[in-house]
């Protein structure tokens, strides 16, 4: 798996839609079914500007 941002865009605006996914990934890391770094690459947001900023910082774009 590449170390790139994993964007979970929340169209509901309350940032709760993806919380179950975040818990599931944490469990996968805990049981060594996913790499630990993946938790640092998950971004849950409802703001398009955050998406752009994350890509710029993590991928060194622009």
PDB file of N, CA and C in Angstrom:
ATOM      1  N   UNK A   1       0.841  -1.167   0.000  1.00  0.00           N
ATOM      2  CA  UNK A   1       0.000   0.000   0.000  1.00  0.00           C
ATOM      3  C   UNK A   1       0.892   1.238   0.000  1.00  0.00           C
ATOM      4  N   UNK A   2       0.578   2.172  -0.863  1.00  0.00           N
ATOM      5  CA  UNK A   2       1.329   3.422  -0.943  1.00  0.00           C
ATOM      6  C   UNK A   2       0.986   4.329   0.238  1.00  0.00           C
ATOM      7  N   UNK A   3       1.954   5.101   0.676  1.00  0.00           N
ATOM      8  CA  UNK A   3       1.727   6.038   1.786  1.00  0.00           C
ATOM      9  C   UNK A   3       1.229   7.371   1.239  1.00  0.00           C
ATOM     10  N   UNK A   4      -0.007   7.368   0.839  1.00  0.00           N
ATOM     11  CA  UNK A   4      -0.655   8.566   0.309  1.00  0.00           C
ATOM     12  C   UNK A   4      -1.848   8.902   1.200  1.00  0.00           C
ATOM     13  N   UNK A   5      -2.323  10.141   1.134  1.00  0.00           N
ATOM     14  CA  UNK A   5      -3.494  10.498   1.939  1.00  0.00           C
ATOM     15  C   UNK A   5      -4.718   9.666   1.542  1.00  0.00           C
ATOM     16  N   UNK A   6      -5.459   9.266   2.536  1.00  0.00           N
ATOM     17  CA  UNK A   6      -6.726   8.574   2.315  1.00  0.00           C
ATOM     18  C   UNK A   6      -7.803   9.549   2.760  1.00  0.00           C
ATOM     19  N   UNK A   7      -8.493  10.113   1.792  1.00  0.00           N
ATOM     20  CA  UNK A   7      -9.482  11.154   2.069  1.00  0.00           C
ATOM     21  C   UNK A   7     -10.862  10.521   2.174  1.00  0.00           C
ATOM     22  N   UNK A   8     -11.507  10.733   3.299  1.00  0.00           N
ATOM     23  CA  UNK A   8     -12.891  10.321   3.498  1.00  0.00           C
ATOM     24  C   UNK A   8     -13.692  11.613   3.605  1.00  0.00           C
ATOM     25  N   UNK A   9     -14.378  11.956   2.522  1.00  0.00           N
ATOM     26  CA  UNK A   9     -15.079  13.232   2.463  1.00  0.00           C
ATOM     27  C   UNK A   9     -16.474  13.079   3.047  1.00  0.00           C
ATOM     28  N   UNK A  10     -16.771  13.892   4.032  1.00  0.00           N
ATOM     29  CA  UNK A  10     -18.030  13.826   4.767  1.00  0.00           C
ATOM     30  C   UNK A  10     -19.013  14.843   4.201  1.00  0.00           C
ATOM     31  N   UNK A  11     -19.967  14.375   3.414  1.00  0.00           N
ATOM     32  CA  UNK A  11     -20.958  15.277   2.830  1.00  0.00           C
ATOM     33  C   UNK A  11     -22.093  15.595   3.795  1.00  0.00           C
ATOM     34  N   UNK A  12     -22.114  14.930   4.930  1.00  0.00           N
ATOM     35  CA  UNK A  12     -23.148  15.190   5.930  1.00  0.00           C
ATOM     36  C   UNK A  12     -22.810  16.408   6.780  1.00  0.00           C
ATOM     37  N   UNK A  13     -21.532  16.776   6.820  1.00  0.00           N
ATOM     38  CA  UNK A  13     -21.113  17.975   7.521  1.00  0.00           C
ATOM     39  C   UNK A  13     -20.933  17.849   9.021  1.00  0.00           C
ATOM     40  N   UNK A  14     -21.099  16.677   9.567  1.00  0.00           N
ATOM     41  CA  UNK A  14     -20.960  16.523  11.017  1.00  0.00           C
ATOM     42  C   UNK A  14     -19.770  15.656  11.402  1.00  0.00           C
ATOM     43  N   UNK A  15     -19.051  15.143  10.421  1.00  0.00           N
ATOM     44  CA  UNK A  15     -17.862  14.308  10.619  1.00  0.00           C
ATOM     45  C   UNK A  15     -18.132  13.039  11.419  1.00  0.00           C
ATOM     46  N   UNK A  16     -19.338  12.558  11.391  1.00  0.00           N
ATOM     47  CA  UNK A  16     -19.645  11.326  12.115  1.00  0.00           C
ATOM     48  C   UNK A  16     -19.841  10.142  11.175  1.00  0.00           C
ATOM     49  N   UNK A  17     -20.101  10.406   9.905  1.00  0.00           N
ATOM     50  CA  UNK A  17     -20.383   9.335   8.950  1.00  0.00           C
ATOM     51  C   UNK A  17     -19.260   8.309   8.897  1.00  0.00           C
ATOM     52  N   UNK A  18     -18.019   8.754   8.917  1.00  0.00           N
ATOM     53  CA  UNK A  18     -16.862   7.874   8.755  1.00  0.00           C
ATOM     54  C   UNK A  18     -16.268   7.382  10.068  1.00  0.00           C
ATOM     55  N   UNK A  19     -16.856   7.685  11.206  1.00  0.00           N
ATOM     56  CA  UNK A  19     -16.267   7.289  12.485  1.00  0.00           C
ATOM     57  C   UNK A  19     -16.177   5.774  12.654  1.00  0.00           C
ATOM     58  N   UNK A  20     -17.147   5.047  12.145  1.00  0.00           N
ATOM     59  CA  UNK A  20     -17.089   3.590  12.201  1.00  0.00           C
ATOM     60  C   UNK A  20     -15.895   3.054  11.419  1.00  0.00           C
ATOM     61  N   UNK A  21     -15.618   3.683  10.285  1.00  0.00           N
ATOM     62  CA  UNK A  21     -14.462   3.286   9.476  1.00  0.00           C
ATOM     63  C   UNK A  21     -13.167   3.562  10.229  1.00  0.00           C
ATOM     64  N   UNK A  22     -13.096   4.697  10.895  1.00  0.00           N
ATOM     65  CA  UNK A  22     -11.892   5.022  11.671  1.00  0.00           C
ATOM     66  C   UNK A  22     -11.668   3.984  12.784  1.00  0.00           C
ATOM     67  N   UNK A  23     -12.740   3.590  13.462  1.00  0.00           N
ATOM     68  CA  UNK A  23     -12.624   2.566  14.512  1.00  0.00           C
ATOM     69  C   UNK A  23     -12.188   1.221  13.928  1.00  0.00           C
ATOM     70  N   UNK A  24     -12.737   0.875  12.779  1.00  0.00           N
ATOM     71  CA  UNK A  24     -12.383  -0.395  12.138  1.00  0.00           C
ATOM     72  C   UNK A  24     -10.904  -0.411  11.753  1.00  0.00           C
ATOM     73  N   UNK A  25     -10.402   0.675  11.212  1.00  0.00           N
ATOM     74  CA  UNK A  25      -8.991   0.744  10.838  1.00  0.00           C
ATOM     75  C   UNK A  25      -8.105   0.666  12.073  1.00  0.00           C
ATOM     76  N   UNK A  26      -8.510   1.311  13.152  1.00  0.00           N
ATOM     77  CA  UNK A  26      -7.741   1.230  14.400  1.00  0.00           C
ATOM     78  C   UNK A  26      -7.658  -0.214  14.890  1.00  0.00           C
ATOM     79  N   UNK A  27      -8.753  -0.943  14.776  1.00  0.00           N
ATOM     80  CA  UNK A  27      -8.746  -2.356  15.168  1.00  0.00           C
ATOM     81  C   UNK A  27      -7.844  -3.173  14.244  1.00  0.00           C
ATOM     82  N   UNK A  28      -7.877  -2.876  12.962  1.00  0.00           N
ATOM     83  CA  UNK A  28      -7.019  -3.585  12.012  1.00  0.00           C
ATOM     84  C   UNK A  28      -5.547  -3.356  12.347  1.00  0.00           C
ATOM     85  N   UNK A  29      -5.201  -2.132  12.716  1.00  0.00           N
ATOM     86  CA  UNK A  29      -3.820  -1.833  13.110  1.00  0.00           C
ATOM     87  C   UNK A  29      -3.477  -2.595  14.386  1.00  0.00           C
ATOM     88  N   UNK A  30      -4.384  -2.576  15.327  1.00  0.00           N
ATOM     89  CA  UNK A  30      -4.149  -3.253  16.602  1.00  0.00           C
ATOM     90  C   UNK A  30      -3.867  -4.747  16.426  1.00  0.00           C
ATOM     91  N   UNK A  31      -4.554  -5.362  15.481  1.00  0.00           N
ATOM     92  CA  UNK A  31      -4.371  -6.794  15.230  1.00  0.00           C
ATOM     93  C   UNK A  31      -3.391  -7.072  14.087  1.00  0.00           C
ATOM     94  N   UNK A  32      -2.627  -6.046  13.711  1.00  0.00           N
ATOM     95  CA  UNK A  32      -1.584  -6.171  12.685  1.00  0.00           C
ATOM     96  C   UNK A  32      -2.129  -6.613  11.327  1.00  0.00           C
ATOM     97  N   UNK A  33      -3.327  -6.184  11.015  1.00  0.00           N
ATOM     98  CA  UNK A  33      -3.912  -6.466   9.701  1.00  0.00           C
ATOM     99  C   UNK A  33      -3.793  -5.263   8.776  1.00  0.00           C
ATOM    100  N   UNK A  34      -3.269  -4.175   9.313  1.00  0.00           N
ATOM    101  CA  UNK A  34      -2.994  -2.963   8.539  1.00  0.00           C
ATOM    102  C   UNK A  34      -1.761  -2.305   9.152  1.00  0.00           C
ATOM    103  N   UNK A  35      -0.986  -1.595   8.339  1.00  0.00           N
ATOM    104  CA  UNK A  35       0.208  -0.937   8.875  1.00  0.00           C
ATOM    105  C   UNK A  35      -0.170   0.230   9.789  1.00  0.00           C
ATOM    106  N   UNK A  36       0.621   0.457  10.817  1.00  0.00           N
ATOM    107  CA  UNK A  36       0.324   1.509  11.794  1.00  0.00           C
ATOM    108  C   UNK A  36       0.292   2.899  11.171  1.00  0.00           C
ATOM    109  N   UNK A  37       1.115   3.139  10.154  1.00  0.00           N
ATOM    110  CA  UNK A  37       1.177   4.473   9.550  1.00  0.00           C
ATOM    111  C   UNK A  37      -0.132   4.879   8.884  1.00  0.00           C
ATOM    112  N   UNK A  38      -0.987   3.908   8.584  1.00  0.00           N
ATOM    113  CA  UNK A  38      -2.214   4.230   7.861  1.00  0.00           C
ATOM    114  C   UNK A  38      -3.107   5.195   8.652  1.00  0.00           C
ATOM    115  N   UNK A  39      -3.071   5.092   9.971  1.00  0.00           N
ATOM    116  CA  UNK A  39      -3.905   5.982  10.788  1.00  0.00           C
ATOM    117  C   UNK A  39      -3.488   7.444  10.631  1.00  0.00           C
ATOM    118  N   UNK A  40      -2.218   7.687  10.374  1.00  0.00           N
ATOM    119  CA  UNK A  40      -1.737   9.058  10.180  1.00  0.00           C
ATOM    120  C   UNK A  40      -2.086   9.610   8.806  1.00  0.00           C
ATOM    121  N   UNK A  41      -2.520   8.757   7.898  1.00  0.00           N
ATOM    122  CA  UNK A  41      -2.805   9.183   6.533  1.00  0.00           C
ATOM    123  C   UNK A  41      -4.298   9.298   6.240  1.00  0.00           C
ATOM    124  N   UNK A  42      -5.135   8.997   7.214  1.00  0.00           N
ATOM    125  CA  UNK A  42      -6.576   9.116   7.020  1.00  0.00           C
ATOM    126  C   UNK A  42      -7.015  10.522   7.405  1.00  0.00           C
ATOM    127  N   UNK A  43      -7.730  11.148   6.492  1.00  0.00           N
ATOM    128  CA  UNK A  43      -8.235  12.498   6.726  1.00  0.00           C
ATOM    129  C   UNK A  43      -9.744  12.467   6.526  1.00  0.00           C
ATOM    130  N   UNK A  44     -10.473  12.805   7.567  1.00  0.00           N
ATOM    131  CA  UNK A  44     -11.926  12.907   7.486  1.00  0.00           C
ATOM    132  C   UNK A  44     -12.265  14.387   7.542  1.00  0.00           C
ATOM    133  N   UNK A  45     -12.911  14.866   6.497  1.00  0.00           N
ATOM    134  CA  UNK A  45     -13.219  16.292   6.435  1.00  0.00           C
ATOM    135  C   UNK A  45     -14.465  16.543   5.596  1.00  0.00           C
ATOM    136  N   UNK A  46     -15.053  17.701   5.791  1.00  0.00           N
ATOM    137  CA  UNK A  46     -16.145  18.154   4.941  1.00  0.00           C
ATOM    138  C   UNK A  46     -15.740  19.444   4.228  1.00  0.00           C
ATOM    139  N   UNK A  47     -14.452  19.758   4.275  1.00  0.00           N
ATOM    140  CA  UNK A  47     -13.923  20.999   3.707  1.00  0.00           C
ATOM    141  C   UNK A  47     -12.988  20.696   2.534  1.00  0.00           C
ATOM    142  N   UNK A  48     -13.364  21.069   1.312  1.00  0.00           N
ATOM    143  CA  UNK A  48     -12.508  20.813   0.151  1.00  0.00           C
ATOM    144  C   UNK A  48     -11.117  21.440   0.280  1.00  0.00           C
ATOM    145  N   UNK A  49     -11.003  22.545   0.980  1.00  0.00           N
ATOM    146  CA  UNK A  49      -9.699  23.193   1.155  1.00  0.00           C
ATOM    147  C   UNK A  49      -8.750  22.305   1.966  1.00  0.00           C
ATOM    148  N   UNK A  50      -9.278  21.552   2.906  1.00  0.00           N
ATOM    149  CA  UNK A  50      -8.455  20.635   3.701  1.00  0.00           C
ATOM    150  C   UNK A  50      -7.887  19.539   2.798  1.00  0.00           C
ATOM    151  N   UNK A  51      -8.696  19.053   1.870  1.00  0.00           N
ATOM    152  CA  UNK A  51      -8.238  18.015   0.940  1.00  0.00           C
ATOM    153  C   UNK A  51      -7.040  18.521   0.147  1.00  0.00           C
ATOM    154  N   UNK A  52      -7.161  19.709  -0.413  1.00  0.00           N
ATOM    155  CA  UNK A  52      -6.069  20.302  -1.187  1.00  0.00           C
ATOM    156  C   UNK A  52      -4.833  20.483  -0.327  1.00  0.00           C
ATOM    157  N   UNK A  53      -5.011  20.985   0.877  1.00  0.00           N
ATOM    158  CA  UNK A  53      -3.884  21.216   1.787  1.00  0.00           C
ATOM    159  C   UNK A  53      -3.166  19.914   2.141  1.00  0.00           C
ATOM    160  N   UNK A  54      -3.929  18.872   2.410  1.00  0.00           N
ATOM    161  CA  UNK A  54      -3.338  17.575   2.759  1.00  0.00           C
ATOM    162  C   UNK A  54      -2.498  17.041   1.601  1.00  0.00           C
ATOM    163  N   UNK A  55      -3.032  17.108   0.389  1.00  0.00           N
ATOM    164  CA  UNK A  55      -2.264  16.626  -0.765  1.00  0.00           C
ATOM    165  C   UNK A  55      -0.994  17.443  -0.957  1.00  0.00           C
ATOM    166  N   UNK A  56      -1.098  18.740  -0.794  1.00  0.00           N
ATOM    167  CA  UNK A  56       0.093  19.587  -0.947  1.00  0.00           C
ATOM    168  C   UNK A  56       1.172  19.230   0.067  1.00  0.00           C
ATOM    169  N   UNK A  57       0.783  19.046   1.314  1.00  0.00           N
ATOM    170  CA  UNK A  57       1.760  18.764   2.370  1.00  0.00           C
ATOM    171  C   UNK A  57       2.330  17.351   2.282  1.00  0.00           C
ATOM    172  N   UNK A  58       1.467  16.358   2.140  1.00  0.00           N
ATOM    173  CA  UNK A  58       1.945  14.973   2.175  1.00  0.00           C
ATOM    174  C   UNK A  58       2.597  14.530   0.875  1.00  0.00           C
ATOM    175  N   UNK A  59       2.169  15.098  -0.237  1.00  0.00           N
ATOM    176  CA  UNK A  59       2.744  14.696  -1.519  1.00  0.00           C
ATOM    177  C   UNK A  59       3.726  15.727  -2.059  1.00  0.00           C
ATOM    178  N   UNK A  60       3.918  16.799  -1.297  1.00  0.00           N
ATOM    179  CA  UNK A  60       4.855  17.867  -1.676  1.00  0.00           C
ATOM    180  C   UNK A  60       4.526  18.440  -3.057  1.00  0.00           C
ATOM    181  N   UNK A  61       3.251  18.767  -3.244  1.00  0.00           N
ATOM    182  CA  UNK A  61       2.798  19.354  -4.501  1.00  0.00           C
ATOM    183  C   UNK A  61       2.716  20.864  -4.385  1.00  0.00           C
ATOM    184  N   UNK A  62       2.838  21.506  -5.489  1.00  0.00           N
ATOM    185  CA  UNK A  62       2.692  22.963  -5.617  1.00  0.00           C
ATOM    186  C   UNK A  62       3.746  23.652  -4.823  1.00  0.00           C
TER     187      UNK A  62
END
